[in-house]
Amino acid sequence: MVTCYLRYVINPLKIEDFEHYARLWIPLVEKFGGRHHGYFLPHEGANNIAVALFSFPSLAEYEVYREKASDDPQCRAAMAHYENTRCYFSYERSFMRPIFD
């Protein structure tokens, strides 16, 4: 299993737009075989950092998701929401190997 960790630098003036963007992506990751663990928005401390975590059985299956998502109308709509709102400034993507009980 591989977990994708996304760290976003969000626009704190557009937090509602970012939350809408996040809610669009959660079911899309699931649609393509992943398991979304949620988005985490600022609460205390820095008001411009958000995190998302989702997992796929393998990095190869994550790459299949990326390929399919690029042609999916719902994924394109989610990206159009970002393009229209610019609710985040940048993001970093890392892949991690989880340890569970």
PDB file of N, CA and C in Angstrom:
ATOM      1  N   MET A   1       0.849  -1.178   0.000  1.00  0.00           N
ATOM      2  CA  MET A   1       0.000   0.000   0.000  1.00  0.00           C
ATOM      3  C   MET A   1       0.888   1.232   0.000  1.00  0.00           C
ATOM      4  N   VAL A   2       0.427   2.249  -0.720  1.00  0.00           N
ATOM      5  CA  VAL A   2       1.125   3.525  -0.751  1.00  0.00           C
ATOM      6  C   VAL A   2       0.116   4.620  -0.400  1.00  0.00           C
ATOM      7  N   THR A   3       0.533   5.539   0.459  1.00  0.00           N
ATOM      8  CA  THR A   3      -0.314   6.657   0.853  1.00  0.00           C
ATOM      9  C   THR A   3       0.269   7.934   0.270  1.00  0.00           C
ATOM     10  N   CYS A   4      -0.602   8.693  -0.354  1.00  0.00           N
ATOM     11  CA  CYS A   4      -0.215   9.984  -0.906  1.00  0.00           C
ATOM     12  C   CYS A   4      -0.524  11.054   0.137  1.00  0.00           C
ATOM     13  N   TYR A   5       0.474  11.827   0.455  1.00  0.00           N
ATOM     14  CA  TYR A   5       0.358  12.941   1.393  1.00  0.00           C
ATOM     15  C   TYR A   5       0.459  14.215   0.569  1.00  0.00           C
ATOM     16  N   LEU A   6      -0.581  15.023   0.598  1.00  0.00           N
ATOM     17  CA  LEU A   6      -0.572  16.306  -0.092  1.00  0.00           C
ATOM     18  C   LEU A   6      -0.607  17.422   0.937  1.00  0.00           C
ATOM     19  N   ARG A   7       0.342  18.323   0.843  1.00  0.00           N
ATOM     20  CA  ARG A   7       0.403  19.494   1.725  1.00  0.00           C
ATOM     21  C   ARG A   7       0.142  20.717   0.862  1.00  0.00           C
ATOM     22  N   TYR A   8      -0.961  21.378   1.130  1.00  0.00           N
ATOM     23  CA  TYR A   8      -1.378  22.552   0.368  1.00  0.00           C
ATOM     24  C   TYR A   8      -1.055  23.832   1.119  1.00  0.00           C
ATOM     25  N   VAL A   9      -0.628  24.835   0.394  1.00  0.00           N
ATOM     26  CA  VAL A   9      -0.579  26.204   0.907  1.00  0.00           C
ATOM     27  C   VAL A   9      -1.830  26.858   0.335  1.00  0.00           C
ATOM     28  N   ILE A  10      -2.812  27.058   1.218  1.00  0.00           N
ATOM     29  CA  ILE A  10      -4.117  27.549   0.778  1.00  0.00           C
ATOM     30  C   ILE A  10      -4.235  29.052   0.970  1.00  0.00           C
ATOM     31  N   ASN A  11      -5.192  29.614   0.279  1.00  0.00           N
ATOM     32  CA  ASN A  11      -5.517  31.023   0.461  1.00  0.00           C
ATOM     33  C   ASN A  11      -6.522  31.095   1.610  1.00  0.00           C
ATOM     34  N   PRO A  12      -6.133  31.620   2.776  1.00  0.00           N
ATOM     35  CA  PRO A  12      -7.054  31.639   3.918  1.00  0.00           C
ATOM     36  C   PRO A  12      -8.306  32.473   3.676  1.00  0.00           C
ATOM     37  N   LEU A  13      -8.280  33.341   2.685  1.00  0.00           N
ATOM     38  CA  LEU A  13      -9.463  34.120   2.354  1.00  0.00           C
ATOM     39  C   LEU A  13     -10.444  33.319   1.492  1.00  0.00           C
ATOM     40  N   LYS A  14     -10.011  32.148   1.042  1.00  0.00           N
ATOM     41  CA  LYS A  14     -10.853  31.310   0.191  1.00  0.00           C
ATOM     42  C   LYS A  14     -11.010  29.907   0.767  1.00  0.00           C
ATOM     43  N   ILE A  15     -11.057  29.822   2.084  1.00  0.00           N
ATOM     44  CA  ILE A  15     -11.136  28.514   2.743  1.00  0.00           C
ATOM     45  C   ILE A  15     -12.412  27.759   2.355  1.00  0.00           C
ATOM     46  N   GLU A  16     -13.517  28.458   2.176  1.00  0.00           N
ATOM     47  CA  GLU A  16     -14.761  27.787   1.776  1.00  0.00           C
ATOM     48  C   GLU A  16     -14.632  27.214   0.367  1.00  0.00           C
ATOM     49  N   ASP A  17     -13.953  27.926  -0.515  1.00  0.00           N
ATOM     50  CA  ASP A  17     -13.712  27.406  -1.863  1.00  0.00           C
ATOM     51  C   ASP A  17     -12.822  26.165  -1.812  1.00  0.00           C
ATOM     52  N   PHE A  18     -11.806  26.202  -0.931  1.00  0.00           N
ATOM     53  CA  PHE A  18     -10.937  25.034  -0.810  1.00  0.00           C
ATOM     54  C   PHE A  18     -11.714  23.847  -0.240  1.00  0.00           C
ATOM     55  N   GLU A  19     -12.556  24.096   0.741  1.00  0.00           N
ATOM     56  CA  GLU A  19     -13.349  23.005   1.316  1.00  0.00           C
ATOM     57  C   GLU A  19     -14.259  22.385   0.254  1.00  0.00           C
ATOM     58  N   HIS A  20     -14.846  23.200  -0.591  1.00  0.00           N
ATOM     59  CA  HIS A  20     -15.672  22.677  -1.684  1.00  0.00           C
ATOM     60  C   HIS A  20     -14.819  21.821  -2.629  1.00  0.00           C
ATOM     61  N   TYR A  21     -13.641  22.325  -2.982  1.00  0.00           N
ATOM     62  CA  TYR A  21     -12.695  21.589  -3.835  1.00  0.00           C
ATOM     63  C   TYR A  21     -12.371  20.224  -3.211  1.00  0.00           C
ATOM     64  N   ALA A  22     -12.089  20.212  -1.926  1.00  0.00           N
ATOM     65  CA  ALA A  22     -11.762  18.965  -1.228  1.00  0.00           C
ATOM     66  C   ALA A  22     -12.929  17.985  -1.283  1.00  0.00           C
ATOM     67  N   ARG A  23     -14.123  18.476  -1.037  1.00  0.00           N
ATOM     68  CA  ARG A  23     -15.299  17.594  -1.066  1.00  0.00           C
ATOM     69  C   ARG A  23     -15.553  17.015  -2.457  1.00  0.00           C
ATOM     70  N   LEU A  24     -15.120  17.706  -3.488  1.00  0.00           N
ATOM     71  CA  LEU A  24     -15.246  17.166  -4.846  1.00  0.00           C
ATOM     72  C   LEU A  24     -14.299  15.982  -5.058  1.00  0.00           C
ATOM     73  N   TRP A  25     -13.085  16.058  -4.502  1.00  0.00           N
ATOM     74  CA  TRP A  25     -12.063  15.047  -4.768  1.00  0.00           C
ATOM     75  C   TRP A  25     -12.229  13.768  -3.958  1.00  0.00           C
ATOM     76  N   ILE A  26     -12.785  13.849  -2.768  1.00  0.00           N
ATOM     77  CA  ILE A  26     -12.876  12.641  -1.932  1.00  0.00           C
ATOM     78  C   ILE A  26     -13.564  11.498  -2.661  1.00  0.00           C
ATOM     79  N   PRO A  27     -14.760  11.679  -3.218  1.00  0.00           N
ATOM     80  CA  PRO A  27     -15.392  10.550  -3.917  1.00  0.00           C
ATOM     81  C   PRO A  27     -14.684  10.178  -5.214  1.00  0.00           C
ATOM     82  N   LEU A  28     -13.953  11.111  -5.808  1.00  0.00           N
ATOM     83  CA  LEU A  28     -13.258  10.792  -7.054  1.00  0.00           C
ATOM     84  C   LEU A  28     -12.084   9.846  -6.821  1.00  0.00           C
ATOM     85  N   VAL A  29     -11.371  10.029  -5.748  1.00  0.00           N
ATOM     86  CA  VAL A  29     -10.296   9.086  -5.412  1.00  0.00           C
ATOM     87  C   VAL A  29     -10.892   7.700  -5.194  1.00  0.00           C
ATOM     88  N   GLU A  30     -12.002   7.644  -4.481  1.00  0.00           N
ATOM     89  CA  GLU A  30     -12.678   6.362  -4.219  1.00  0.00           C
ATOM     90  C   GLU A  30     -13.179   5.740  -5.533  1.00  0.00           C
ATOM     91  N   LYS A  31     -13.692   6.568  -6.431  1.00  0.00           N
ATOM     92  CA  LYS A  31     -14.206   6.096  -7.720  1.00  0.00           C
ATOM     93  C   LYS A  31     -13.144   5.322  -8.498  1.00  0.00           C
ATOM     94  N   PHE A  32     -11.898   5.713  -8.363  1.00  0.00           N
ATOM     95  CA  PHE A  32     -10.820   5.099  -9.116  1.00  0.00           C
ATOM     96  C   PHE A  32      -9.981   4.125  -8.290  1.00  0.00           C
ATOM     97  N   GLY A  33     -10.563   3.601  -7.213  1.00  0.00           N
ATOM     98  CA  GLY A  33      -9.915   2.515  -6.484  1.00  0.00           C
ATOM     99  C   GLY A  33      -9.066   2.896  -5.291  1.00  0.00           C
ATOM    100  N   GLY A  34      -9.038   4.152  -4.943  1.00  0.00           N
ATOM    101  CA  GLY A  34      -8.271   4.568  -3.780  1.00  0.00           C
ATOM    102  C   GLY A  34      -9.142   4.637  -2.541  1.00  0.00           C
ATOM    103  N   ARG A  35      -8.495   4.877  -1.438  1.00  0.00           N
ATOM    104  CA  ARG A  35      -9.197   5.102  -0.176  1.00  0.00           C
ATOM    105  C   ARG A  35      -8.783   6.470   0.342  1.00  0.00           C
ATOM    106  N   HIS A  36      -9.752   7.364   0.424  1.00  0.00           N
ATOM    107  CA  HIS A  36      -9.443   8.716   0.888  1.00  0.00           C
ATOM    108  C   HIS A  36      -9.557   8.748   2.402  1.00  0.00           C
ATOM    109  N   HIS A  37      -8.559   9.324   3.044  1.00  0.00           N
ATOM    110  CA  HIS A  37      -8.532   9.422   4.506  1.00  0.00           C
ATOM    111  C   HIS A  37      -8.938  10.813   4.975  1.00  0.00           C
ATOM    112  N   GLY A  38      -9.237  11.704   4.033  1.00  0.00           N
ATOM    113  CA  GLY A  38      -9.744  13.020   4.379  1.00  0.00           C
ATOM    114  C   GLY A  38      -8.799  14.158   4.071  1.00  0.00           C
ATOM    115  N   TYR A  39      -9.382  15.325   4.097  1.00  0.00           N
ATOM    116  CA  TYR A  39      -8.655  16.587   4.045  1.00  0.00           C
ATOM    117  C   TYR A  39      -8.661  17.147   5.453  1.00  0.00           C
ATOM    118  N   PHE A  40      -7.619  17.831   5.804  1.00  0.00           N
ATOM    119  CA  PHE A  40      -7.475  18.404   7.135  1.00  0.00           C
ATOM    120  C   PHE A  40      -7.176  19.891   6.965  1.00  0.00           C
ATOM    121  N   LEU A  41      -8.117  20.705   7.445  1.00  0.00           N
ATOM    122  CA  LEU A  41      -8.021  22.151   7.284  1.00  0.00           C
ATOM    123  C   LEU A  41      -7.451  22.801   8.539  1.00  0.00           C
ATOM    124  N   PRO A  42      -6.927  24.011   8.405  1.00  0.00           N
ATOM    125  CA  PRO A  42      -6.357  24.694   9.567  1.00  0.00           C
ATOM    126  C   PRO A  42      -7.379  24.863  10.690  1.00  0.00           C
ATOM    127  N   HIS A  43      -6.889  24.698  11.908  1.00  0.00           N
ATOM    128  CA  HIS A  43      -7.732  24.911  13.078  1.00  0.00           C
ATOM    129  C   HIS A  43      -7.005  25.807  14.080  1.00  0.00           C
ATOM    130  N   GLU A  44      -5.846  25.402  14.490  1.00  0.00           N
ATOM    131  CA  GLU A  44      -4.985  26.201  15.369  1.00  0.00           C
ATOM    132  C   GLU A  44      -3.635  26.332  14.677  1.00  0.00           C
ATOM    133  N   GLY A  45      -2.938  27.378  14.948  1.00  0.00           N
ATOM    134  CA  GLY A  45      -1.626  27.572  14.338  1.00  0.00           C
ATOM    135  C   GLY A  45      -1.757  28.237  12.976  1.00  0.00           C
ATOM    136  N   ALA A  46      -0.902  27.839  12.055  1.00  0.00           N
ATOM    137  CA  ALA A  46      -0.900  28.438  10.715  1.00  0.00           C
ATOM    138  C   ALA A  46      -2.283  28.302  10.071  1.00  0.00           C
ATOM    139  N   ASN A  47      -2.743  29.385   9.445  1.00  0.00           N
ATOM    140  CA  ASN A  47      -4.074  29.361   8.841  1.00  0.00           C
ATOM    141  C   ASN A  47      -4.036  29.124   7.335  1.00  0.00           C
ATOM    142  N   ASN A  48      -2.871  28.748   6.821  1.00  0.00           N
ATOM    143  CA  ASN A  48      -2.741  28.589   5.376  1.00  0.00           C
ATOM    144  C   ASN A  48      -2.218  27.217   4.944  1.00  0.00           C
ATOM    145  N   ILE A  49      -2.247  26.244   5.831  1.00  0.00           N
ATOM    146  CA  ILE A  49      -1.766  24.904   5.499  1.00  0.00           C
ATOM    147  C   ILE A  49      -2.914  23.909   5.644  1.00  0.00           C
ATOM    148  N   ALA A  50      -3.130  23.116   4.609  1.00  0.00           N
ATOM    149  CA  ALA A  50      -4.111  22.032   4.631  1.00  0.00           C
ATOM    150  C   ALA A  50      -3.413  20.766   4.150  1.00  0.00           C
ATOM    151  N   VAL A  51      -3.943  19.626   4.548  1.00  0.00           N
ATOM    152  CA  VAL A  51      -3.342  18.334   4.213  1.00  0.00           C
ATOM    153  C   VAL A  51      -4.429  17.397   3.706  1.00  0.00           C
ATOM    154  N   ALA A  52      -4.069  16.551   2.760  1.00  0.00           N
ATOM    155  CA  ALA A  52      -4.947  15.472   2.304  1.00  0.00           C
ATOM    156  C   ALA A  52      -4.152  14.180   2.329  1.00  0.00           C
ATOM    157  N   LEU A  53      -4.829  13.089   2.675  1.00  0.00           N
ATOM    158  CA  LEU A  53      -4.217  11.758   2.679  1.00  0.00           C
ATOM    159  C   LEU A  53      -5.139  10.791   1.966  1.00  0.00           C
ATOM    160  N   PHE A  54      -4.567  10.017   1.060  1.00  0.00           N
ATOM    161  CA  PHE A  54      -5.322   8.933   0.447  1.00  0.00           C
ATOM    162  C   PHE A  54      -4.365   7.826   0.049  1.00  0.00           C
ATOM    163  N   SER A  55      -4.894   6.612  -0.032  1.00  0.00           N
ATOM    164  CA  SER A  55      -4.066   5.431  -0.276  1.00  0.00           C
ATOM    165  C   SER A  55      -4.551   4.654  -1.485  1.00  0.00           C
ATOM    166  N   PHE A  56      -3.617   3.977  -2.118  1.00  0.00           N
ATOM    167  CA  PHE A  56      -3.876   3.018  -3.187  1.00  0.00           C
ATOM    168  C   PHE A  56      -3.101   1.750  -2.865  1.00  0.00           C
ATOM    169  N   PRO A  57      -3.573   0.624  -3.368  1.00  0.00           N
ATOM    170  CA  PRO A  57      -2.868  -0.623  -3.081  1.00  0.00           C
ATOM    171  C   PRO A  57      -1.398  -0.617  -3.518  1.00  0.00           C
ATOM    172  N   SER A  58      -1.082   0.155  -4.571  1.00  0.00           N
ATOM    173  CA  SER A  58       0.305   0.228  -5.043  1.00  0.00           C
ATOM    174  C   SER A  58       0.514   1.544  -5.780  1.00  0.00           C
ATOM    175  N   LEU A  59       1.762   1.890  -5.993  1.00  0.00           N
ATOM    176  CA  LEU A  59       2.084   3.090  -6.755  1.00  0.00           C
ATOM    177  C   LEU A  59       1.597   2.937  -8.197  1.00  0.00           C
ATOM    178  N   ALA A  60       1.663   1.727  -8.729  1.00  0.00           N
ATOM    179  CA  ALA A  60       1.168   1.479 -10.090  1.00  0.00           C
ATOM    180  C   ALA A  60      -0.327   1.779 -10.186  1.00  0.00           C
ATOM    181  N   GLU A  61      -1.108   1.400  -9.176  1.00  0.00           N
ATOM    182  CA  GLU A  61      -2.545   1.676  -9.194  1.00  0.00           C
ATOM    183  C   GLU A  61      -2.816   3.170  -9.018  1.00  0.00           C
ATOM    184  N   TYR A  62      -1.967   3.858  -8.283  1.00  0.00           N
ATOM    185  CA  TYR A  62      -2.077   5.310  -8.184  1.00  0.00           C
ATOM    186  C   TYR A  62      -1.868   5.939  -9.563  1.00  0.00           C
ATOM    187  N   GLU A  63      -0.889   5.440 -10.312  1.00  0.00           N
ATOM    188  CA  GLU A  63      -0.623   5.976 -11.649  1.00  0.00           C
ATOM    189  C   GLU A  63      -1.800   5.726 -12.591  1.00  0.00           C
ATOM    190  N   VAL A  64      -2.478   4.582 -12.444  1.00  0.00           N
ATOM    191  CA  VAL A  64      -3.684   4.307 -13.236  1.00  0.00           C
ATOM    192  C   VAL A  64      -4.754   5.335 -12.894  1.00  0.00           C
ATOM    193  N   TYR A  65      -4.922   5.610 -11.612  1.00  0.00           N
ATOM    194  CA  TYR A  65      -5.877   6.642 -11.174  1.00  0.00           C
ATOM    195  C   TYR A  65      -5.558   7.973 -11.838  1.00  0.00           C
ATOM    196  N   ARG A  66      -4.304   8.374 -11.834  1.00  0.00           N
ATOM    197  CA  ARG A  66      -3.917   9.661 -12.428  1.00  0.00           C
ATOM    198  C   ARG A  66      -4.270   9.698 -13.920  1.00  0.00           C
ATOM    199  N   GLU A  67      -4.018   8.595 -14.593  1.00  0.00           N
ATOM    200  CA  GLU A  67      -4.319   8.514 -16.021  1.00  0.00           C
ATOM    201  C   GLU A  67      -5.825   8.626 -16.270  1.00  0.00           C
ATOM    202  N   LYS A  68      -6.607   7.841 -15.530  1.00  0.00           N
ATOM    203  CA  LYS A  68      -8.064   7.873 -15.700  1.00  0.00           C
ATOM    204  C   LYS A  68      -8.649   9.220 -15.293  1.00  0.00           C
ATOM    205  N   ALA A  69      -8.118   9.804 -14.238  1.00  0.00           N
ATOM    206  CA  ALA A  69      -8.638  11.084 -13.756  1.00  0.00           C
ATOM    207  C   ALA A  69      -8.442  12.191 -14.787  1.00  0.00           C
ATOM    208  N   SER A  70      -7.391  12.112 -15.560  1.00  0.00           N
ATOM    209  CA  SER A  70      -7.126  13.171 -16.534  1.00  0.00           C
ATOM    210  C   SER A  70      -8.201  13.248 -17.612  1.00  0.00           C
ATOM    211  N   ASP A  71      -8.918  12.153 -17.853  1.00  0.00           N
ATOM    212  CA  ASP A  71      -9.975  12.136 -18.867  1.00  0.00           C
ATOM    213  C   ASP A  71     -11.379  12.147 -18.286  1.00  0.00           C
ATOM    214  N   ASP A  72     -11.514  12.186 -16.971  1.00  0.00           N
ATOM    215  CA  ASP A  72     -12.820  12.069 -16.337  1.00  0.00           C
ATOM    216  C   ASP A  72     -13.508  13.437 -16.235  1.00  0.00           C
ATOM    217  N   PRO A  73     -14.769  13.542 -16.668  1.00  0.00           N
ATOM    218  CA  PRO A  73     -15.472  14.834 -16.601  1.00  0.00           C
ATOM    219  C   PRO A  73     -15.608  15.390 -15.183  1.00  0.00           C
ATOM    220  N   GLN A  74     -15.837  14.537 -14.177  1.00  0.00           N
ATOM    221  CA  GLN A  74     -15.959  15.025 -12.797  1.00  0.00           C
ATOM    222  C   GLN A  74     -14.619  15.555 -12.280  1.00  0.00           C
ATOM    223  N   CYS A  75     -13.539  14.902 -12.651  1.00  0.00           N
ATOM    224  CA  CYS A  75     -12.211  15.374 -12.243  1.00  0.00           C
ATOM    225  C   CYS A  75     -11.890  16.697 -12.921  1.00  0.00           C
ATOM    226  N   ARG A  76     -12.266  16.807 -14.179  1.00  0.00           N
ATOM    227  CA  ARG A  76     -12.051  18.081 -14.880  1.00  0.00           C
ATOM    228  C   ARG A  76     -12.864  19.200 -14.245  1.00  0.00           C
ATOM    229  N   ALA A  77     -14.083  18.883 -13.800  1.00  0.00           N
ATOM    230  CA  ALA A  77     -14.912  19.890 -13.119  1.00  0.00           C
ATOM    231  C   ALA A  77     -14.268  20.324 -11.809  1.00  0.00           C
ATOM    232  N   ALA A  78     -13.686  19.374 -11.078  1.00  0.00           N
ATOM    233  CA  ALA A  78     -13.002  19.716  -9.826  1.00  0.00           C
ATOM    234  C   ALA A  78     -11.815  20.637 -10.101  1.00  0.00           C
ATOM    235  N   MET A  79     -11.065  20.346 -11.146  1.00  0.00           N
ATOM    236  CA  MET A  79      -9.932  21.206 -11.490  1.00  0.00           C
ATOM    237  C   MET A  79     -10.406  22.576 -11.985  1.00  0.00           C
ATOM    238  N   ALA A  80     -11.547  22.608 -12.685  1.00  0.00           N
ATOM    239  CA  ALA A  80     -12.092  23.890 -13.130  1.00  0.00           C
ATOM    240  C   ALA A  80     -12.471  24.757 -11.922  1.00  0.00           C
ATOM    241  N   HIS A  81     -12.990  24.110 -10.868  1.00  0.00           N
ATOM    242  CA  HIS A  81     -13.302  24.859  -9.645  1.00  0.00           C
ATOM    243  C   HIS A  81     -12.033  25.508  -9.097  1.00  0.00           C
ATOM    244  N   TYR A  82     -10.940  24.736  -9.050  1.00  0.00           N
ATOM    245  CA  TYR A  82      -9.671  25.314  -8.593  1.00  0.00           C
ATOM    246  C   TYR A  82      -9.249  26.478  -9.507  1.00  0.00           C
ATOM    247  N   GLU A  83      -9.309  26.252 -10.810  1.00  0.00           N
ATOM    248  CA  GLU A  83      -8.868  27.296 -11.742  1.00  0.00           C
ATOM    249  C   GLU A  83      -9.701  28.569 -11.608  1.00  0.00           C
ATOM    250  N   ASN A  84     -10.977  28.417 -11.301  1.00  0.00           N
ATOM    251  CA  ASN A  84     -11.853  29.579 -11.148  1.00  0.00           C
ATOM    252  C   ASN A  84     -11.658  30.297  -9.815  1.00  0.00           C
ATOM    253  N   THR A  85     -11.258  29.565  -8.783  1.00  0.00           N
ATOM    254  CA  THR A  85     -11.160  30.169  -7.448  1.00  0.00           C
ATOM    255  C   THR A  85      -9.732  30.433  -6.990  1.00  0.00           C
ATOM    256  N   ARG A  86      -8.778  29.681  -7.509  1.00  0.00           N
ATOM    257  CA  ARG A  86      -7.383  29.765  -7.037  1.00  0.00           C
ATOM    258  C   ARG A  86      -7.350  29.696  -5.516  1.00  0.00           C
ATOM    259  N   CYS A  87      -8.026  28.673  -4.975  1.00  0.00           N
ATOM    260  CA  CYS A  87      -8.179  28.532  -3.521  1.00  0.00           C
ATOM    261  C   CYS A  87      -6.904  28.027  -2.840  1.00  0.00           C
ATOM    262  N   TYR A  88      -5.916  27.599  -3.604  1.00  0.00           N
ATOM    263  CA  TYR A  88      -4.613  27.285  -3.023  1.00  0.00           C
ATOM    264  C   TYR A  88      -3.524  27.829  -3.926  1.00  0.00           C
ATOM    265  N   PHE A  89      -2.374  28.098  -3.307  1.00  0.00           N
ATOM    266  CA  PHE A  89      -1.254  28.683  -4.026  1.00  0.00           C
ATOM    267  C   PHE A  89      -0.317  27.618  -4.581  1.00  0.00           C
ATOM    268  N   SER A  90      -0.135  26.553  -3.818  1.00  0.00           N
ATOM    269  CA  SER A  90       0.773  25.488  -4.232  1.00  0.00           C
ATOM    270  C   SER A  90       0.489  24.237  -3.406  1.00  0.00           C
ATOM    271  N   TYR A  91       1.080  23.129  -3.852  1.00  0.00           N
ATOM    272  CA  TYR A  91       0.994  21.901  -3.068  1.00  0.00           C
ATOM    273  C   TYR A  91       2.241  21.069  -3.296  1.00  0.00           C
ATOM    274  N   GLU A  92       2.531  20.225  -2.328  1.00  0.00           N
ATOM    275  CA  GLU A  92       3.633  19.260  -2.410  1.00  0.00           C
ATOM    276  C   GLU A  92       3.039  17.879  -2.260  1.00  0.00           C
ATOM    277  N   ARG A  93       3.545  16.933  -3.024  1.00  0.00           N
ATOM    278  CA  ARG A  93       3.045  15.564  -2.961  1.00  0.00           C
ATOM    279  C   ARG A  93       4.190  14.652  -2.531  1.00  0.00           C
ATOM    280  N   SER A  94       3.919  13.816  -1.551  1.00  0.00           N
ATOM    281  CA  SER A  94       4.879  12.806  -1.089  1.00  0.00           C
ATOM    282  C   SER A  94       4.150  11.477  -1.002  1.00  0.00           C
ATOM    283  N   PHE A  95       4.892  10.406  -1.155  1.00  0.00           N
ATOM    284  CA  PHE A  95       4.326   9.063  -1.020  1.00  0.00           C
ATOM    285  C   PHE A  95       4.933   8.406   0.198  1.00  0.00           C
ATOM    286  N   MET A  96       4.072   7.806   0.982  1.00  0.00           N
ATOM    287  CA  MET A  96       4.503   7.212   2.241  1.00  0.00           C
ATOM    288  C   MET A  96       3.984   5.791   2.352  1.00  0.00           C
ATOM    289  N   ARG A  97       4.656   5.028   3.161  1.00  0.00           N
ATOM    290  CA  ARG A  97       4.251   3.654   3.442  1.00  0.00           C
ATOM    291  C   ARG A  97       3.691   3.613   4.847  1.00  0.00           C
ATOM    292  N   PRO A  98       2.395   3.347   4.975  1.00  0.00           N
ATOM    293  CA  PRO A  98       1.797   3.369   6.316  1.00  0.00           C
ATOM    294  C   PRO A  98       2.161   2.138   7.134  1.00  0.00           C
ATOM    295  N   ILE A  99       2.112   2.321   8.431  1.00  0.00           N
ATOM    296  CA  ILE A  99       2.263   1.214   9.385  1.00  0.00           C
ATOM    297  C   ILE A  99       0.982   1.180  10.206  1.00  0.00           C
ATOM    298  N   PHE A 100       0.258   0.089  10.093  1.00  0.00           N
ATOM    299  CA  PHE A 100      -0.975  -0.086  10.845  1.00  0.00           C
ATOM    300  C   PHE A 100      -0.808  -1.273  11.792  1.00  0.00           C
ATOM    301  N   ASP A 101      -1.651  -1.359  12.823  1.00  0.00           N
ATOM    302  CA  ASP A 101      -1.651  -2.530  13.696  1.00  0.00           C
ATOM    303  C   ASP A 101      -2.126  -3.744  12.935  1.00  0.00           C
TER     304      ASP A 101
END
